PDB file of N, CA and C in Angstrom:
ATOM      1  N   MET A   1       0.845  -1.188   0.000  1.00  0.00           N
ATOM      2  CA  MET A   1       0.000   0.000   0.000  1.00  0.00           C
ATOM      3  C   MET A   1       0.884   1.243   0.000  1.00  0.00           C
ATOM      4  N   ALA A   2       0.540   2.225  -0.788  1.00  0.00           N
ATOM      5  CA  ALA A   2       1.293   3.475  -0.865  1.00  0.00           C
ATOM      6  C   ALA A   2       1.014   4.337   0.367  1.00  0.00           C
ATOM      7  N   ARG A   3       1.994   5.110   0.757  1.00  0.00           N
ATOM      8  CA  ARG A   3       1.849   6.022   1.881  1.00  0.00           C
ATOM      9  C   ARG A   3       0.770   7.059   1.552  1.00  0.00           C
ATOM     10  N   LYS A   4      -0.041   7.413   2.545  1.00  0.00           N
ATOM     11  CA  LYS A   4      -1.102   8.401   2.375  1.00  0.00           C
ATOM     12  C   LYS A   4      -0.979   9.466   3.452  1.00  0.00           C
ATOM     13  N   PHE A   5      -1.591  10.630   3.171  1.00  0.00           N
ATOM     14  CA  PHE A   5      -1.524  11.716   4.141  1.00  0.00           C
ATOM     15  C   PHE A   5      -2.784  12.573   4.088  1.00  0.00           C
ATOM     16  N   ILE A   6      -2.931  13.393   5.120  1.00  0.00           N
ATOM     17  CA  ILE A   6      -3.948  14.442   5.161  1.00  0.00           C
ATOM     18  C   ILE A   6      -3.278  15.651   5.800  1.00  0.00           C
ATOM     19  N   ASP A   7      -3.578  16.824   5.275  1.00  0.00           N
ATOM     20  CA  ASP A   7      -2.883  18.043   5.682  1.00  0.00           C
ATOM     21  C   ASP A   7      -3.904  19.131   5.989  1.00  0.00           C
ATOM     22  N   CYS A   8      -3.984  19.547   7.241  1.00  0.00           N
ATOM     23  CA  CYS A   8      -4.954  20.571   7.644  1.00  0.00           C
ATOM     24  C   CYS A   8      -4.707  21.914   6.951  1.00  0.00           C
ATOM     25  N   ARG A   9      -3.498  22.169   6.515  1.00  0.00           N
ATOM     26  CA  ARG A   9      -3.203  23.439   5.850  1.00  0.00           C
ATOM     27  C   ARG A   9      -4.015  23.608   4.572  1.00  0.00           C
ATOM     28  N   GLU A  10      -4.494  22.511   4.004  1.00  0.00           N
ATOM     29  CA  GLU A  10      -5.264  22.566   2.763  1.00  0.00           C
ATOM     30  C   GLU A  10      -6.746  22.875   3.000  1.00  0.00           C
ATOM     31  N   TYR A  11      -7.164  22.902   4.272  1.00  0.00           N
ATOM     32  CA  TYR A  11      -8.562  23.116   4.612  1.00  0.00           C
ATOM     33  C   TYR A  11      -8.659  24.239   5.643  1.00  0.00           C
ATOM     34  N   PRO A  12      -9.063  25.423   5.225  1.00  0.00           N
ATOM     35  CA  PRO A  12      -9.089  26.589   6.125  1.00  0.00           C
ATOM     36  C   PRO A  12      -9.897  26.324   7.395  1.00  0.00           C
ATOM     37  N   SER A  13      -9.386  26.845   8.501  1.00  0.00           N
ATOM     38  CA  SER A  13     -10.100  26.730   9.772  1.00  0.00           C
ATOM     39  C   SER A  13      -9.855  28.000  10.581  1.00  0.00           C
ATOM     40  N   ASP A  14     -10.680  28.195  11.588  1.00  0.00           N
ATOM     41  CA  ASP A  14     -10.550  29.370  12.448  1.00  0.00           C
ATOM     42  C   ASP A  14      -9.246  29.379  13.230  1.00  0.00           C
ATOM     43  N   ILE A  15      -8.693  28.196  13.486  1.00  0.00           N
ATOM     44  CA  ILE A  15      -7.464  28.139  14.281  1.00  0.00           C
ATOM     45  C   ILE A  15      -6.208  28.087  13.421  1.00  0.00           C
ATOM     46  N   HIS A  16      -6.378  28.109  12.111  1.00  0.00           N
ATOM     47  CA  HIS A  16      -5.238  28.082  11.179  1.00  0.00           C
ATOM     48  C   HIS A  16      -4.300  26.908  11.485  1.00  0.00           C
ATOM     49  N   CYS A  17      -4.874  25.729  11.566  1.00  0.00           N
ATOM     50  CA  CYS A  17      -4.140  24.508  11.900  1.00  0.00           C
ATOM     51  C   CYS A  17      -3.109  24.188  10.823  1.00  0.00           C
ATOM     52  N   THR A  18      -1.930  23.791  11.253  1.00  0.00           N
ATOM     53  CA  THR A  18      -0.847  23.450  10.324  1.00  0.00           C
ATOM     54  C   THR A  18      -0.409  22.000  10.454  1.00  0.00           C
ATOM     55  N   VAL A  19      -1.233  21.161  11.058  1.00  0.00           N
ATOM     56  CA  VAL A  19      -0.887  19.756  11.265  1.00  0.00           C
ATOM     57  C   VAL A  19      -1.060  18.960   9.977  1.00  0.00           C
ATOM     58  N   ALA A  20      -0.089  18.119   9.701  1.00  0.00           N
ATOM     59  CA  ALA A  20      -0.168  17.167   8.598  1.00  0.00           C
ATOM     60  C   ALA A  20       0.277  15.811   9.146  1.00  0.00           C
ATOM     61  N   VAL A  21      -0.445  14.757   8.795  1.00  0.00           N
ATOM     62  CA  VAL A  21      -0.086  13.417   9.243  1.00  0.00           C
ATOM     63  C   VAL A  21      -0.069  12.468   8.059  1.00  0.00           C
ATOM     64  N   SER A  22       0.788  11.468   8.144  1.00  0.00           N
ATOM     65  CA  SER A  22       0.872  10.461   7.089  1.00  0.00           C
ATOM     66  C   SER A  22       1.090   9.094   7.721  1.00  0.00           C
ATOM     67  N   ALA A  23       0.747   8.054   6.964  1.00  0.00           N
ATOM     68  CA  ALA A  23       0.908   6.688   7.443  1.00  0.00           C
ATOM     69  C   ALA A  23       0.913   5.738   6.251  1.00  0.00           C
ATOM     70  N   ASP A  24       1.461   4.555   6.467  1.00  0.00           N
ATOM     71  CA  ASP A  24       1.465   3.526   5.431  1.00  0.00           C
ATOM     72  C   ASP A  24       0.132   2.789   5.372  1.00  0.00           C
ATOM     73  N   SER A  25      -0.618   2.856   6.454  1.00  0.00           N
ATOM     74  CA  SER A  25      -1.903   2.170   6.545  1.00  0.00           C
ATOM     75  C   SER A  25      -3.037   3.188   6.566  1.00  0.00           C
ATOM     76  N   GLU A  26      -4.037   2.987   5.711  1.00  0.00           N
ATOM     77  CA  GLU A  26      -5.191   3.889   5.690  1.00  0.00           C
ATOM     78  C   GLU A  26      -5.945   3.833   7.013  1.00  0.00           C
ATOM     79  N   THR A  27      -5.996   2.672   7.619  1.00  0.00           N
ATOM     80  CA  THR A  27      -6.668   2.516   8.911  1.00  0.00           C
ATOM     81  C   THR A  27      -5.957   3.328   9.987  1.00  0.00           C
ATOM     82  N   GLU A  28      -4.648   3.238  10.013  1.00  0.00           N
ATOM     83  CA  GLU A  28      -3.864   3.986  10.987  1.00  0.00           C
ATOM     84  C   GLU A  28      -4.027   5.491  10.775  1.00  0.00           C
ATOM     85  N   LEU A  29      -3.968   5.926   9.528  1.00  0.00           N
ATOM     86  CA  LEU A  29      -4.131   7.337   9.215  1.00  0.00           C
ATOM     87  C   LEU A  29      -5.522   7.821   9.619  1.00  0.00           C
ATOM     88  N   LEU A  30      -6.531   7.040   9.354  1.00  0.00           N
ATOM     89  CA  LEU A  30      -7.895   7.430   9.712  1.00  0.00           C
ATOM     90  C   LEU A  30      -8.036   7.580  11.225  1.00  0.00           C
ATOM     91  N   ASP A  31      -7.481   6.649  11.973  1.00  0.00           N
ATOM     92  CA  ASP A  31      -7.557   6.733  13.436  1.00  0.00           C
ATOM     93  C   ASP A  31      -6.923   8.025  13.955  1.00  0.00           C
ATOM     94  N   VAL A  32      -5.757   8.373  13.435  1.00  0.00           N
ATOM     95  CA  VAL A  32      -5.057   9.583  13.868  1.00  0.00           C
ATOM     96  C   VAL A  32      -5.815  10.832  13.416  1.00  0.00           C
ATOM     97  N   ALA A  33      -6.309  10.824  12.183  1.00  0.00           N
ATOM     98  CA  ALA A  33      -7.035  11.974  11.653  1.00  0.00           C
ATOM     99  C   ALA A  33      -8.320  12.228  12.448  1.00  0.00           C
ATOM    100  N   VAL A  34      -9.025  11.173  12.810  1.00  0.00           N
ATOM    101  CA  VAL A  34     -10.250  11.312  13.607  1.00  0.00           C
ATOM    102  C   VAL A  34      -9.902  11.857  14.985  1.00  0.00           C
ATOM    103  N   GLN A  35      -8.880  11.311  15.596  1.00  0.00           N
ATOM    104  CA  GLN A  35      -8.462  11.781  16.919  1.00  0.00           C
ATOM    105  C   GLN A  35      -8.131  13.278  16.866  1.00  0.00           C
ATOM    106  N   HIS A  36      -7.425  13.700  15.846  1.00  0.00           N
ATOM    107  CA  HIS A  36      -7.068  15.108  15.683  1.00  0.00           C
ATOM    108  C   HIS A  36      -8.326  15.960  15.457  1.00  0.00           C
ATOM    109  N   ALA A  37      -9.210  15.523  14.574  1.00  0.00           N
ATOM    110  CA  ALA A  37     -10.420  16.281  14.264  1.00  0.00           C
ATOM    111  C   ALA A  37     -11.294  16.467  15.505  1.00  0.00           C
ATOM    112  N   VAL A  38     -11.378  15.446  16.335  1.00  0.00           N
ATOM    113  CA  VAL A  38     -12.195  15.507  17.550  1.00  0.00           C
ATOM    114  C   VAL A  38     -11.517  16.371  18.614  1.00  0.00           C
ATOM    115  N   THR A  39     -10.253  16.107  18.874  1.00  0.00           N
ATOM    116  CA  THR A  39      -9.539  16.780  19.955  1.00  0.00           C
ATOM    117  C   THR A  39      -9.253  18.247  19.654  1.00  0.00           C
ATOM    118  N   VAL A  40      -8.782  18.531  18.464  1.00  0.00           N
ATOM    119  CA  VAL A  40      -8.346  19.886  18.131  1.00  0.00           C
ATOM    120  C   VAL A  40      -9.457  20.731  17.505  1.00  0.00           C
ATOM    121  N   HIS A  41     -10.227  20.127  16.611  1.00  0.00           N
ATOM    122  CA  HIS A  41     -11.218  20.897  15.862  1.00  0.00           C
ATOM    123  C   HIS A  41     -12.644  20.787  16.413  1.00  0.00           C
ATOM    124  N   GLY A  42     -12.842  19.946  17.429  1.00  0.00           N
ATOM    125  CA  GLY A  42     -14.134  19.866  18.086  1.00  0.00           C
ATOM    126  C   GLY A  42     -15.207  19.091  17.349  1.00  0.00           C
ATOM    127  N   HIS A  43     -14.820  18.279  16.363  1.00  0.00           N
ATOM    128  CA  HIS A  43     -15.793  17.459  15.643  1.00  0.00           C
ATOM    129  C   HIS A  43     -16.219  16.279  16.509  1.00  0.00           C
ATOM    130  N   THR A  44     -17.309  15.648  16.124  1.00  0.00           N
ATOM    131  CA  THR A  44     -17.786  14.445  16.784  1.00  0.00           C
ATOM    132  C   THR A  44     -17.426  13.252  15.902  1.00  0.00           C
ATOM    133  N   ASP A  45     -16.938  12.195  16.537  1.00  0.00           N
ATOM    134  CA  ASP A  45     -16.556  10.986  15.799  1.00  0.00           C
ATOM    135  C   ASP A  45     -17.819  10.267  15.325  1.00  0.00           C
ATOM    136  N   THR A  46     -18.120  10.427  14.050  1.00  0.00           N
ATOM    137  CA  THR A  46     -19.294   9.788  13.445  1.00  0.00           C
ATOM    138  C   THR A  46     -18.854   9.060  12.179  1.00  0.00           C
ATOM    139  N   PRO A  47     -19.674   8.155  11.692  1.00  0.00           N
ATOM    140  CA  PRO A  47     -19.343   7.501  10.418  1.00  0.00           C
ATOM    141  C   PRO A  47     -19.173   8.524   9.287  1.00  0.00           C
ATOM    142  N   GLN A  48     -19.977   9.585   9.302  1.00  0.00           N
ATOM    143  CA  GLN A  48     -19.880  10.614   8.269  1.00  0.00           C
ATOM    144  C   GLN A  48     -18.530  11.337   8.347  1.00  0.00           C
ATOM    145  N   LEU A  49     -18.073  11.675   9.546  1.00  0.00           N
ATOM    146  CA  LEU A  49     -16.763  12.310   9.704  1.00  0.00           C
ATOM    147  C   LEU A  49     -15.675  11.394   9.156  1.00  0.00           C
ATOM    148  N   ARG A  50     -15.748  10.127   9.490  1.00  0.00           N
ATOM    149  CA  ARG A  50     -14.743   9.170   9.022  1.00  0.00           C
ATOM    150  C   ARG A  50     -14.727   9.067   7.497  1.00  0.00           C
ATOM    151  N   GLU A  51     -15.903   9.033   6.887  1.00  0.00           N
ATOM    152  CA  GLU A  51     -15.973   8.964   5.423  1.00  0.00           C
ATOM    153  C   GLU A  51     -15.436  10.241   4.785  1.00  0.00           C
ATOM    154  N   THR A  52     -15.775  11.380   5.378  1.00  0.00           N
ATOM    155  CA  THR A  52     -15.279  12.655   4.853  1.00  0.00           C
ATOM    156  C   THR A  52     -13.754  12.710   4.934  1.00  0.00           C
ATOM    157  N   LEU A  53     -13.213  12.375   6.084  1.00  0.00           N
ATOM    158  CA  LEU A  53     -11.754  12.407   6.239  1.00  0.00           C
ATOM    159  C   LEU A  53     -11.092  11.454   5.251  1.00  0.00           C
ATOM    160  N   LYS A  54     -11.634  10.266   5.141  1.00  0.00           N
ATOM    161  CA  LYS A  54     -11.081   9.269   4.225  1.00  0.00           C
ATOM    162  C   LYS A  54     -11.060   9.787   2.784  1.00  0.00           C
ATOM    163  N   SER A  55     -12.081  10.533   2.412  1.00  0.00           N
ATOM    164  CA  SER A  55     -12.153  11.061   1.046  1.00  0.00           C
ATOM    165  C   SER A  55     -11.114  12.149   0.800  1.00  0.00           C
ATOM    166  N   LEU A  56     -10.544  12.706   1.865  1.00  0.00           N
ATOM    167  CA  LEU A  56      -9.552  13.771   1.747  1.00  0.00           C
ATOM    168  C   LEU A  56      -8.115  13.247   1.731  1.00  0.00           C
ATOM    169  N   PHE A  57      -7.941  11.954   1.942  1.00  0.00           N
ATOM    170  CA  PHE A  57      -6.599  11.364   1.928  1.00  0.00           C
ATOM    171  C   PHE A  57      -5.988  11.478   0.537  1.00  0.00           C
ATOM    172  N   LYS A  58      -4.687  11.716   0.519  1.00  0.00           N
ATOM    173  CA  LYS A  58      -3.942  11.783  -0.735  1.00  0.00           C
ATOM    174  C   LYS A  58      -2.755  10.832  -0.644  1.00  0.00           C
ATOM    175  N   GLU A  59      -2.313  10.371  -1.781  1.00  0.00           N
ATOM    176  CA  GLU A  59      -1.137   9.498  -1.796  1.00  0.00           C
ATOM    177  C   GLU A  59       0.131  10.326  -1.726  1.00  0.00           C
ATOM    178  N   GLY A  60       1.136   9.770  -1.056  1.00  0.00           N
ATOM    179  CA  GLY A  60       2.415  10.453  -0.935  1.00  0.00           C
ATOM    180  C   GLY A  60       2.622  10.980   0.461  1.00  0.00           C
ATOM    181  N   THR A  61       3.356  12.079   0.547  1.00  0.00           N
ATOM    182  CA  THR A  61       3.628  12.719   1.820  1.00  0.00           C
ATOM    183  C   THR A  61       3.342  14.219   1.682  1.00  0.00           C
ATOM    184  N   PRO A  62       3.007  14.883   2.792  1.00  0.00           N
ATOM    185  CA  PRO A  62       2.682  16.300   2.716  1.00  0.00           C
ATOM    186  C   PRO A  62       3.897  17.153   2.340  1.00  0.00           C
ATOM    187  N   ALA A  63       3.624  18.262   1.666  1.00  0.00           N
ATOM    188  CA  ALA A  63       4.686  19.204   1.325  1.00  0.00           C
ATOM    189  C   ALA A  63       5.188  19.889   2.591  1.00  0.00           C
ATOM    190  N   GLN A  64       6.425  20.306   2.555  1.00  0.00           N
ATOM    191  CA  GLN A  64       6.980  20.968   3.742  1.00  0.00           C
ATOM    192  C   GLN A  64       6.658  22.419   3.785  1.00  0.00           C
TER     193      GLN A  64
END
């Protein structure tokens, strides 16, 4: 499986979050992304949140 990532810098927020995470496993990345979305951005862990986050994953690694 190719490395995947999600980068908060690509999605504007009130807190101007600059966190980017990557992982070799989509499951691992989803777990971390959900934890971040709930803890930092105040979202609720729902199936819809998980599907939305998953749809935002990109292959590769985040730009510096």
